[in-house]
Protein backbone atom coordinates (compact mmCIF):
# COMPACT_ATOMS: atom_id res chain seq x y z
CA MET A 1 -4.80 8.56 -2.55
CA GLU A 2 -6.34 5.26 -1.54
CA GLN A 3 -7.91 5.28 1.91
CA LYS A 4 -6.70 2.78 4.51
CA VAL A 5 -9.32 0.36 5.78
CA SER A 6 -9.17 -1.08 9.29
CA ILE A 7 -10.61 -4.52 9.92
CA VAL A 8 -11.20 -5.40 13.57
CA VAL A 9 -11.35 -9.11 14.38
CA PRO A 10 -12.53 -10.04 17.89
CA VAL A 11 -10.69 -13.17 19.05
CA TYR A 12 -11.73 -15.48 21.89
CA ASN A 13 -10.89 -19.20 21.90
CA VAL A 14 -11.08 -19.55 18.12
CA GLU A 15 -7.84 -21.41 17.39
CA LYS A 16 -9.74 -23.81 15.08
CA TYR A 17 -10.93 -20.99 12.80
CA LEU A 18 -8.42 -18.17 13.24
CA LYS A 19 -5.90 -19.11 10.55
CA ARG A 20 -8.63 -19.51 7.95
CA CYS A 21 -10.05 -16.10 8.87
CA VAL A 22 -6.73 -14.24 8.82
CA ASN A 23 -5.55 -15.98 5.65
CA SER A 24 -8.75 -14.85 3.96
CA LEU A 25 -8.17 -11.25 5.03
CA ILE A 26 -4.52 -11.07 3.97
CA GLY A 27 -5.40 -12.67 0.63
CA GLN A 28 -7.74 -9.86 -0.37
CA SER A 29 -6.83 -7.85 -3.45
CA TYR A 30 -7.29 -4.56 -1.56
CA SER A 31 -3.82 -4.02 -0.14
CA ASN A 32 -4.20 -0.77 1.81
CA LEU A 33 -5.62 -2.27 4.96
CA GLU A 34 -4.73 -2.93 8.54
CA ILE A 35 -5.96 -5.97 10.41
CA LEU A 36 -6.48 -5.51 14.13
CA LEU A 37 -6.70 -8.80 16.04
CA VAL A 38 -8.15 -8.18 19.50
CA ASP A 39 -7.73 -11.15 21.84
CA ASP A 40 -10.11 -11.11 24.80
CA GLY A 41 -8.17 -13.39 27.14
CA SER A 42 -8.35 -16.60 25.13
CA LYS A 43 -7.53 -19.81 27.01
CA ASP A 44 -6.43 -21.69 23.90
CA SER A 45 -3.59 -20.89 21.48
CA SER A 46 -5.44 -18.05 19.73
CA LEU A 47 -3.13 -15.35 21.09
CA SER A 48 0.04 -17.13 19.96
CA ILE A 49 -1.46 -17.62 16.48
CA CYS A 50 -2.24 -13.90 16.35
CA LYS A 51 1.33 -13.05 17.34
CA GLU A 52 2.72 -15.35 14.62
CA TYR A 53 0.74 -13.47 11.99
CA GLU A 54 1.82 -10.13 13.42
CA LEU A 55 5.46 -11.12 12.91
CA LYS A 56 4.82 -12.23 9.31
CA ASP A 57 2.69 -9.34 8.05
CA SER A 58 3.22 -5.66 8.89
CA ARG A 59 -0.47 -4.90 8.26
CA ILE A 60 -1.46 -6.97 11.30
CA ARG A 61 -1.51 -5.58 14.83
CA VAL A 62 -2.41 -7.65 17.89
CA PHE A 63 -4.05 -6.40 21.05
CA HIS A 64 -4.54 -8.52 24.16
CA LYS A 65 -6.73 -7.81 27.15
CA GLU A 66 -8.03 -9.80 30.05
CA ASN A 67 -11.45 -11.34 29.53
CA GLU A 68 -14.28 -9.22 30.88
CA VAL A 69 -17.18 -11.44 31.80
CA LEU A 70 -20.39 -9.45 31.93
CA ALA A 71 -22.68 -10.48 34.76
């Protein structure tokens, strides 16, 4: 049995690069993977882009949390 691989992608205000990143991941030949997109309170459209991909591909899961600024 092939082992499932989890790929965690931290997301914060990366709308310019996010589609290229996710397209690269879903285009891999290894099919038994899950892609976890973790949005850290982006102010741009990153979260909505993540949600679009989640609807299109069952291997993608989106998590959203408020930004935690470390002092």
